[in-house]
N, C-alpha and C. Protein backbone atom coordinates (compact mmCIF):
# COMPACT_ATOMS: atom_id res chain seq x y z
N MET A 1 0.82 -1.19 0.00
CA MET A 1 0.00 0.00 0.00
C MET A 1 0.87 1.26 0.00
N ILE A 2 1.90 1.29 0.80
CA ILE A 2 2.78 2.46 0.85
C ILE A 2 3.48 2.62 -0.50
N ARG A 3 3.90 1.49 -1.09
CA ARG A 3 4.58 1.55 -2.38
C ARG A 3 3.64 2.11 -3.45
N THR A 4 2.39 1.70 -3.45
CA THR A 4 1.41 2.19 -4.42
C THR A 4 1.19 3.69 -4.24
N SER A 5 1.11 4.14 -3.01
CA SER A 5 0.94 5.57 -2.74
C SER A 5 2.14 6.36 -3.23
N MET A 6 3.33 5.83 -3.01
CA MET A 6 4.54 6.50 -3.47
C MET A 6 4.59 6.53 -5.00
N GLN A 7 4.16 5.45 -5.64
CA GLN A 7 4.15 5.41 -7.10
C GLN A 7 3.16 6.44 -7.65
N ARG A 8 2.00 6.52 -7.02
CA ARG A 8 1.00 7.50 -7.46
C ARG A 8 1.52 8.93 -7.27
N ALA A 9 2.16 9.17 -6.15
CA ALA A 9 2.69 10.50 -5.89
C ALA A 9 3.78 10.85 -6.91
N ALA A 10 4.63 9.88 -7.22
CA ALA A 10 5.68 10.11 -8.21
C ALA A 10 5.08 10.37 -9.59
N LEU A 11 4.08 9.59 -9.95
CA LEU A 11 3.41 9.77 -11.24
C LEU A 11 2.72 11.13 -11.31
N LEU A 12 2.07 11.52 -10.23
CA LEU A 12 1.41 12.82 -10.19
C LEU A 12 2.44 13.95 -10.32
N GLY A 13 3.56 13.81 -9.64
CA GLY A 13 4.61 14.81 -9.75
C GLY A 13 5.16 14.92 -11.16
N LEU A 14 5.38 13.78 -11.80
CA LEU A 14 5.86 13.77 -13.18
C LEU A 14 4.85 14.39 -14.12
N LEU A 15 3.59 14.07 -13.94
CA LEU A 15 2.54 14.63 -14.77
C LEU A 15 2.44 16.15 -14.58
N THR A 16 2.53 16.61 -13.35
CA THR A 16 2.49 18.04 -13.06
C THR A 16 3.66 18.75 -13.73
N PHE A 17 4.83 18.15 -13.65
CA PHE A 17 6.03 18.74 -14.28
C PHE A 17 5.85 18.79 -15.80
N ALA A 18 5.34 17.74 -16.39
CA ALA A 18 5.14 17.70 -17.85
C ALA A 18 4.12 18.74 -18.29
N LEU A 19 3.05 18.88 -17.54
CA LEU A 19 2.03 19.87 -17.90
C LEU A 19 2.57 21.29 -17.76
N ALA A 20 3.37 21.53 -16.76
CA ALA A 20 3.97 22.86 -16.58
C ALA A 20 4.92 23.17 -17.74
N ALA A 21 5.68 22.17 -18.16
CA ALA A 21 6.60 22.38 -19.29
C ALA A 21 5.82 22.68 -20.56
N LEU A 22 4.73 21.97 -20.77
CA LEU A 22 3.90 22.22 -21.95
C LEU A 22 3.28 23.61 -21.91
N ALA A 23 2.87 24.04 -20.75
CA ALA A 23 2.25 25.36 -20.60
C ALA A 23 3.24 26.48 -20.92
N GLN A 24 4.53 26.25 -20.70
CA GLN A 24 5.54 27.27 -20.94
C GLN A 24 6.04 27.27 -22.37
N THR A 25 5.73 26.22 -23.14
CA THR A 25 6.16 26.15 -24.52
C THR A 25 5.05 26.71 -25.39
N PRO A 26 5.29 27.86 -26.00
CA PRO A 26 4.23 28.47 -26.80
C PRO A 26 3.95 27.65 -28.06
N THR A 27 2.72 27.64 -28.45
CA THR A 27 2.33 26.95 -29.68
C THR A 27 2.62 27.86 -30.86
N ASP A 28 2.63 27.27 -32.04
CA ASP A 28 2.81 28.07 -33.26
C ASP A 28 1.70 29.10 -33.38
N ALA A 29 0.48 28.72 -33.01
CA ALA A 29 -0.65 29.64 -33.09
C ALA A 29 -0.47 30.81 -32.13
N GLN A 30 0.06 30.54 -30.95
CA GLN A 30 0.28 31.61 -29.98
C GLN A 30 1.36 32.57 -30.47
N VAL A 31 2.42 32.04 -31.05
CA VAL A 31 3.49 32.89 -31.58
C VAL A 31 2.96 33.72 -32.75
N LYS A 32 2.15 33.11 -33.62
CA LYS A 32 1.55 33.84 -34.74
C LYS A 32 0.66 34.97 -34.23
N LYS A 33 -0.15 34.67 -33.20
CA LYS A 33 -1.00 35.70 -32.60
C LYS A 33 -0.13 36.81 -32.00
N GLY A 34 0.96 36.44 -31.37
CA GLY A 34 1.87 37.42 -30.80
C GLY A 34 2.47 38.33 -31.86
N GLN A 35 2.76 37.77 -33.02
CA GLN A 35 3.27 38.58 -34.12
C GLN A 35 2.21 39.57 -34.59
N GLU A 36 0.96 39.13 -34.63
CA GLU A 36 -0.14 40.02 -35.01
C GLU A 36 -0.31 41.15 -33.99
N VAL A 37 -0.22 40.81 -32.71
CA VAL A 37 -0.32 41.82 -31.65
C VAL A 37 0.84 42.82 -31.79
N TYR A 38 2.03 42.30 -32.04
CA TYR A 38 3.20 43.17 -32.21
C TYR A 38 2.98 44.13 -33.38
N GLN A 39 2.52 43.59 -34.50
CA GLN A 39 2.31 44.43 -35.68
C GLN A 39 1.26 45.52 -35.41
N TYR A 40 0.23 45.18 -34.68
CA TYR A 40 -0.86 46.13 -34.42
C TYR A 40 -0.48 47.18 -33.38
N TRP A 41 0.10 46.73 -32.24
CA TRP A 41 0.32 47.63 -31.11
C TRP A 41 1.74 48.16 -30.99
N CYS A 42 2.73 47.43 -31.44
CA CYS A 42 4.12 47.75 -31.11
C CYS A 42 4.94 48.28 -32.27
N TRP A 43 4.65 47.82 -33.47
CA TRP A 43 5.50 48.10 -34.61
C TRP A 43 5.67 49.59 -34.89
N ASN A 44 4.62 50.37 -34.70
CA ASN A 44 4.71 51.81 -34.99
C ASN A 44 5.80 52.51 -34.19
N CYS A 45 6.10 52.01 -32.99
CA CYS A 45 7.16 52.60 -32.17
C CYS A 45 8.44 51.77 -32.18
N HIS A 46 8.31 50.45 -32.30
CA HIS A 46 9.46 49.56 -32.12
C HIS A 46 9.90 48.85 -33.39
N GLY A 47 9.28 49.14 -34.53
CA GLY A 47 9.66 48.48 -35.77
C GLY A 47 11.01 48.97 -36.28
N SER A 48 11.47 48.30 -37.32
CA SER A 48 12.73 48.72 -37.93
C SER A 48 12.48 49.92 -38.83
N GLY A 49 13.52 50.67 -39.06
CA GLY A 49 13.40 51.85 -39.93
C GLY A 49 13.38 53.14 -39.13
N ALA A 50 13.46 54.22 -39.88
CA ALA A 50 13.52 55.54 -39.26
C ALA A 50 12.15 55.97 -38.75
N GLY A 51 12.16 56.88 -37.80
CA GLY A 51 10.93 57.46 -37.30
C GLY A 51 10.17 56.60 -36.31
N LYS A 52 10.81 55.63 -35.73
CA LYS A 52 10.18 54.77 -34.72
C LYS A 52 10.74 55.18 -33.36
N PRO A 53 9.96 55.90 -32.55
CA PRO A 53 10.50 56.46 -31.31
C PRO A 53 11.04 55.42 -30.32
N GLY A 54 10.40 54.28 -30.21
CA GLY A 54 10.89 53.25 -29.30
C GLY A 54 12.23 52.70 -29.76
N THR A 55 12.34 52.47 -31.06
CA THR A 55 13.59 51.97 -31.62
C THR A 55 14.70 53.00 -31.46
N GLU A 56 14.38 54.27 -31.72
CA GLU A 56 15.38 55.33 -31.58
C GLU A 56 15.82 55.49 -30.12
N ALA A 57 14.88 55.36 -29.19
CA ALA A 57 15.23 55.45 -27.76
C ALA A 57 16.17 54.32 -27.36
N LEU A 58 15.89 53.11 -27.87
CA LEU A 58 16.77 51.98 -27.56
C LEU A 58 18.13 52.14 -28.23
N ARG A 59 18.14 52.70 -29.43
CA ARG A 59 19.42 52.95 -30.12
C ARG A 59 20.28 53.90 -29.28
N ALA A 60 19.67 54.96 -28.76
CA ALA A 60 20.41 55.91 -27.92
C ALA A 60 20.86 55.26 -26.62
N LYS A 61 20.01 54.42 -26.06
CA LYS A 61 20.34 53.78 -24.79
C LYS A 61 21.48 52.77 -24.94
N TYR A 62 21.41 51.91 -25.96
CA TYR A 62 22.36 50.82 -26.09
C TYR A 62 23.59 51.16 -26.94
N LYS A 63 23.53 52.24 -27.69
CA LYS A 63 24.67 52.70 -28.49
C LYS A 63 25.31 51.55 -29.29
N ASP A 64 24.46 50.79 -29.97
CA ASP A 64 24.88 49.67 -30.83
C ASP A 64 25.50 48.50 -30.06
N ALA A 65 25.34 48.46 -28.75
CA ALA A 65 25.86 47.34 -27.96
C ALA A 65 24.97 46.10 -28.06
N ARG A 66 23.72 46.30 -28.47
CA ARG A 66 22.80 45.18 -28.68
C ARG A 66 21.76 45.61 -29.70
N PRO A 67 21.06 44.64 -30.30
CA PRO A 67 20.05 45.01 -31.29
C PRO A 67 18.96 45.88 -30.68
N VAL A 68 18.46 46.83 -31.45
CA VAL A 68 17.39 47.71 -30.97
C VAL A 68 16.03 47.29 -31.52
N ASP A 69 16.02 46.49 -32.56
CA ASP A 69 14.78 45.96 -33.11
C ASP A 69 14.30 44.84 -32.19
N LEU A 70 13.16 45.03 -31.56
CA LEU A 70 12.68 44.04 -30.57
C LEU A 70 12.53 42.66 -31.17
N GLU A 71 12.20 42.57 -32.45
CA GLU A 71 12.03 41.26 -33.08
C GLU A 71 13.37 40.54 -33.27
N GLN A 72 14.47 41.23 -33.15
CA GLN A 72 15.80 40.63 -33.30
C GLN A 72 16.49 40.36 -31.97
N ARG A 73 15.92 40.84 -30.89
CA ARG A 73 16.55 40.69 -29.58
C ARG A 73 16.53 39.23 -29.13
N SER A 74 17.54 38.85 -28.37
CA SER A 74 17.60 37.50 -27.82
C SER A 74 17.72 37.52 -26.31
N ASP A 75 17.34 38.65 -25.70
CA ASP A 75 17.45 38.78 -24.26
C ASP A 75 16.15 39.25 -23.62
N LEU A 76 15.03 39.00 -24.28
CA LEU A 76 13.74 39.47 -23.77
C LEU A 76 12.98 38.33 -23.12
N ALA A 77 12.94 38.33 -21.81
CA ALA A 77 12.17 37.34 -21.07
C ALA A 77 10.70 37.74 -21.04
N PRO A 78 9.79 36.78 -21.08
CA PRO A 78 8.37 37.11 -21.05
C PRO A 78 7.97 38.02 -19.89
N ALA A 79 8.53 37.80 -18.72
CA ALA A 79 8.17 38.63 -17.56
C ALA A 79 8.56 40.09 -17.77
N VAL A 80 9.69 40.32 -18.41
CA VAL A 80 10.15 41.69 -18.68
C VAL A 80 9.22 42.36 -19.68
N ILE A 81 8.89 41.64 -20.73
CA ILE A 81 7.98 42.17 -21.75
C ILE A 81 6.65 42.56 -21.12
N LYS A 82 6.09 41.67 -20.32
CA LYS A 82 4.80 41.92 -19.69
C LYS A 82 4.86 43.12 -18.75
N THR A 83 5.95 43.25 -18.01
CA THR A 83 6.09 44.38 -17.10
C THR A 83 6.15 45.70 -17.87
N PHE A 84 6.95 45.74 -18.92
CA PHE A 84 7.05 46.97 -19.71
C PHE A 84 5.72 47.35 -20.34
N VAL A 85 4.98 46.36 -20.83
CA VAL A 85 3.69 46.65 -21.47
C VAL A 85 2.69 47.16 -20.44
N ARG A 86 2.63 46.55 -19.28
CA ARG A 86 1.62 46.94 -18.28
C ARG A 86 2.02 48.18 -17.47
N LYS A 87 3.31 48.39 -17.27
CA LYS A 87 3.74 49.50 -16.41
C LYS A 87 4.40 50.64 -17.18
N GLY A 88 4.75 50.40 -18.45
CA GLY A 88 5.44 51.42 -19.23
C GLY A 88 6.88 51.55 -18.77
N VAL A 89 7.67 52.24 -19.57
CA VAL A 89 9.07 52.50 -19.22
C VAL A 89 9.54 53.66 -20.09
N SER A 90 10.22 54.59 -19.50
CA SER A 90 10.74 55.76 -20.21
C SER A 90 9.60 56.42 -21.00
N ILE A 91 9.71 56.51 -22.32
CA ILE A 91 8.67 57.16 -23.12
C ILE A 91 7.55 56.19 -23.50
N MET A 92 7.69 54.91 -23.16
CA MET A 92 6.67 53.93 -23.52
C MET A 92 5.47 54.05 -22.59
N PRO A 93 4.29 54.12 -23.17
CA PRO A 93 3.08 54.24 -22.33
C PRO A 93 2.67 52.91 -21.72
N ILE A 94 1.76 52.99 -20.78
CA ILE A 94 1.14 51.82 -20.16
C ILE A 94 0.02 51.34 -21.08
N PHE A 95 -0.10 50.03 -21.25
CA PHE A 95 -1.21 49.46 -22.00
C PHE A 95 -2.12 48.70 -21.04
N ARG A 96 -3.38 49.11 -21.02
CA ARG A 96 -4.36 48.49 -20.13
C ARG A 96 -4.86 47.18 -20.71
N LYS A 97 -5.49 46.36 -19.85
CA LYS A 97 -6.05 45.09 -20.28
C LYS A 97 -7.17 45.28 -21.30
N THR A 98 -7.78 46.44 -21.31
CA THR A 98 -8.82 46.71 -22.31
C THR A 98 -8.20 47.00 -23.67
N GLU A 99 -6.89 47.28 -23.70
CA GLU A 99 -6.19 47.50 -24.97
C GLU A 99 -5.51 46.22 -25.43
N ILE A 100 -4.69 45.67 -24.57
CA ILE A 100 -4.01 44.39 -24.84
C ILE A 100 -4.44 43.43 -23.74
N SER A 101 -5.24 42.45 -24.12
CA SER A 101 -5.74 41.49 -23.12
C SER A 101 -4.58 40.65 -22.57
N ASP A 102 -4.82 39.99 -21.45
CA ASP A 102 -3.80 39.12 -20.87
C ASP A 102 -3.40 38.02 -21.85
N ALA A 103 -4.37 37.46 -22.58
CA ALA A 103 -4.07 36.41 -23.56
C ALA A 103 -3.21 36.96 -24.69
N ASP A 104 -3.55 38.16 -25.17
CA ASP A 104 -2.74 38.77 -26.22
C ASP A 104 -1.36 39.14 -25.71
N LEU A 105 -1.26 39.56 -24.46
CA LEU A 105 0.04 39.88 -23.88
C LEU A 105 0.89 38.61 -23.74
N ASP A 106 0.28 37.51 -23.34
CA ASP A 106 1.00 36.23 -23.28
C ASP A 106 1.53 35.85 -24.66
N ALA A 107 0.69 36.04 -25.69
CA ALA A 107 1.11 35.72 -27.06
C ALA A 107 2.24 36.65 -27.51
N LEU A 108 2.13 37.93 -27.20
CA LEU A 108 3.17 38.89 -27.55
C LEU A 108 4.49 38.51 -26.88
N ALA A 109 4.43 38.18 -25.60
CA ALA A 109 5.63 37.79 -24.87
C ALA A 109 6.24 36.52 -25.47
N ALA A 110 5.40 35.56 -25.86
CA ALA A 110 5.89 34.34 -26.49
C ALA A 110 6.58 34.66 -27.81
N TYR A 111 5.98 35.56 -28.58
CA TYR A 111 6.56 35.94 -29.87
C TYR A 111 7.91 36.63 -29.70
N LEU A 112 7.99 37.60 -28.82
CA LEU A 112 9.24 38.34 -28.65
C LEU A 112 10.31 37.52 -27.93
N ALA A 113 9.90 36.59 -27.08
CA ALA A 113 10.86 35.77 -26.33
C ALA A 113 11.35 34.57 -27.12
N ARG A 114 10.78 34.33 -28.30
CA ARG A 114 11.15 33.12 -29.06
C ARG A 114 12.63 33.10 -29.38
N ASN A 115 13.26 34.25 -29.66
CA ASN A 115 14.68 34.30 -29.93
C ASN A 115 15.50 34.00 -28.68
N THR A 116 14.97 34.40 -27.51
CA THR A 116 15.65 34.11 -26.25
C THR A 116 15.69 32.61 -26.02
N LYS A 117 14.56 31.93 -26.24
CA LYS A 117 14.51 30.47 -26.05
C LYS A 117 15.42 29.77 -27.05
N ALA A 118 15.42 30.24 -28.30
CA ALA A 118 16.26 29.62 -29.32
C ALA A 118 17.73 29.77 -28.97
N LYS A 119 18.12 30.93 -28.47
CA LYS A 119 19.51 31.18 -28.11
C LYS A 119 19.92 30.29 -26.93
N SER A 120 19.04 30.13 -25.94
CA SER A 120 19.41 29.32 -24.77
C SER A 120 19.42 27.84 -25.10
N ALA A 121 18.75 27.42 -26.18
CA ALA A 121 18.73 26.01 -26.58
C ALA A 121 20.03 25.64 -27.29
N ASN A 122 20.71 26.64 -27.85
CA ASN A 122 21.96 26.36 -28.61
C ASN A 122 23.16 26.28 -27.72
């Protein structure tokens, strides 16, 4: 009986770990949605090219020490992205849940963090 309980507990722990890992791995659909959110809400300030205030602010801040195009960055953790979107930073405004829903923000974070995950996998 004790052995069966231990086996069940071990199986439950393994299942919980597997589900948590799956929850942290964004789906292709979530990344695609994140790209759409980026194009709609973020690109006007953070896209590549001249006249993008967010990109220009990052260029001044980093002085070519790292990429300024958010889509090219490999150091953006989802938690950082979510904090900047909800709380703003420097000239970046705050985005409310009525503008970018939590689901859309999760997708955006998955999209922008995809390069971070790819870099850490190599």
